[in-house]
Amino acid sequence: MTDPQRPTTAEGAPAPSNDPPPTRPQRPDDEDCCGQGCVPCIFDLYDEAMGRYRDALAAWKERHPDESPE
């Protein structure tokens, strides 16, 4: 039996009640980069973290179609 007050996933299964939205990574300040061409640069690492965040957020939205992550 499903609780009408509890969100459901796109497949109709109840969404986990302890499933907070993912946390957006903090962008490094421009002065945090040393400018030496490091591989990887902190901005490369940030871009990778943002990609993981977008994927996690999309999955969270599928599990919580009627909720806003904010």
Protein backbone atom coordinates (compact mmCIF):
# COMPACT_ATOMS: atom_id res chain seq x y z
CA MET A 1 0.00 0.00 0.00
CA THR A 2 1.39 3.41 -0.92
CA ASP A 3 1.07 6.59 1.09
CA PRO A 4 -0.62 9.31 -1.02
CA GLN A 5 1.47 11.93 0.78
CA ARG A 6 4.77 10.23 -0.10
CA PRO A 7 6.34 10.99 -3.51
CA THR A 8 6.71 8.17 -5.99
CA THR A 9 9.30 7.41 -8.63
CA ALA A 10 8.57 7.60 -12.34
CA GLU A 11 7.96 3.85 -12.24
CA GLY A 12 5.34 4.30 -9.51
CA ALA A 13 7.43 2.86 -6.67
CA PRO A 14 7.60 4.94 -3.48
CA ALA A 15 10.59 7.29 -3.41
CA PRO A 16 12.91 6.79 -0.44
CA SER A 17 11.93 9.12 2.39
CA ASN A 18 15.59 9.74 3.28
CA ASP A 19 16.66 10.74 -0.24
CA PRO A 20 17.77 14.39 -0.20
CA PRO A 21 18.67 16.09 -3.48
CA PRO A 22 22.36 16.09 -4.40
CA THR A 23 24.48 19.02 -3.32
CA ARG A 24 25.86 21.27 -6.05
CA PRO A 25 29.67 21.46 -5.96
CA GLN A 26 31.16 24.81 -5.03
CA ARG A 27 32.91 26.54 -7.92
CA PRO A 28 36.52 27.45 -7.14
CA ASP A 29 37.34 31.14 -7.10
CA ASP A 30 39.35 32.38 -10.07
CA GLU A 31 42.30 33.14 -7.79
CA ASP A 32 42.30 29.51 -6.59
CA CYS A 33 43.83 28.49 -9.93
CA CYS A 34 47.61 28.85 -10.03
CA GLY A 35 47.63 29.43 -13.79
CA GLN A 36 50.45 26.91 -14.34
CA GLY A 37 48.48 24.60 -16.62
CA CYS A 38 48.10 21.82 -14.07
CA VAL A 39 46.61 18.54 -15.26
CA PRO A 40 44.10 18.33 -13.88
CA CYS A 41 43.34 21.96 -13.09
CA ILE A 42 40.97 22.66 -10.22
CA PHE A 43 38.49 23.85 -12.84
CA ASP A 44 38.75 20.49 -14.64
CA LEU A 45 37.94 18.80 -11.34
CA TYR A 46 35.03 21.19 -10.83
CA ASP A 47 33.69 20.44 -14.34
CA GLU A 48 33.85 16.70 -13.59
CA ALA A 49 32.07 17.25 -10.27
CA MET A 50 29.37 19.28 -12.04
CA GLY A 51 28.84 16.43 -14.51
CA ARG A 52 28.36 13.98 -11.63
CA TYR A 53 26.04 16.48 -9.94
CA ARG A 54 23.89 16.88 -13.08
CA ASP A 55 23.62 13.10 -13.44
CA ALA A 56 22.72 12.69 -9.77
CA LEU A 57 20.19 15.53 -9.96
CA ALA A 58 18.51 14.01 -13.02
CA ALA A 59 18.25 10.66 -11.22
CA TRP A 60 16.89 12.38 -8.09
CA LYS A 61 14.26 14.22 -10.17
CA GLU A 62 13.14 10.89 -11.65
CA ARG A 63 12.67 9.54 -8.13
CA HIS A 64 10.91 12.74 -6.97
CA PRO A 65 8.92 13.99 -9.99
CA ASP A 66 6.71 16.32 -7.94
CA GLU A 67 9.45 17.93 -5.85
CA SER A 68 11.88 20.77 -6.40
CA PRO A 69 15.51 20.25 -5.35
CA GLU A 70 15.73 23.71 -3.79
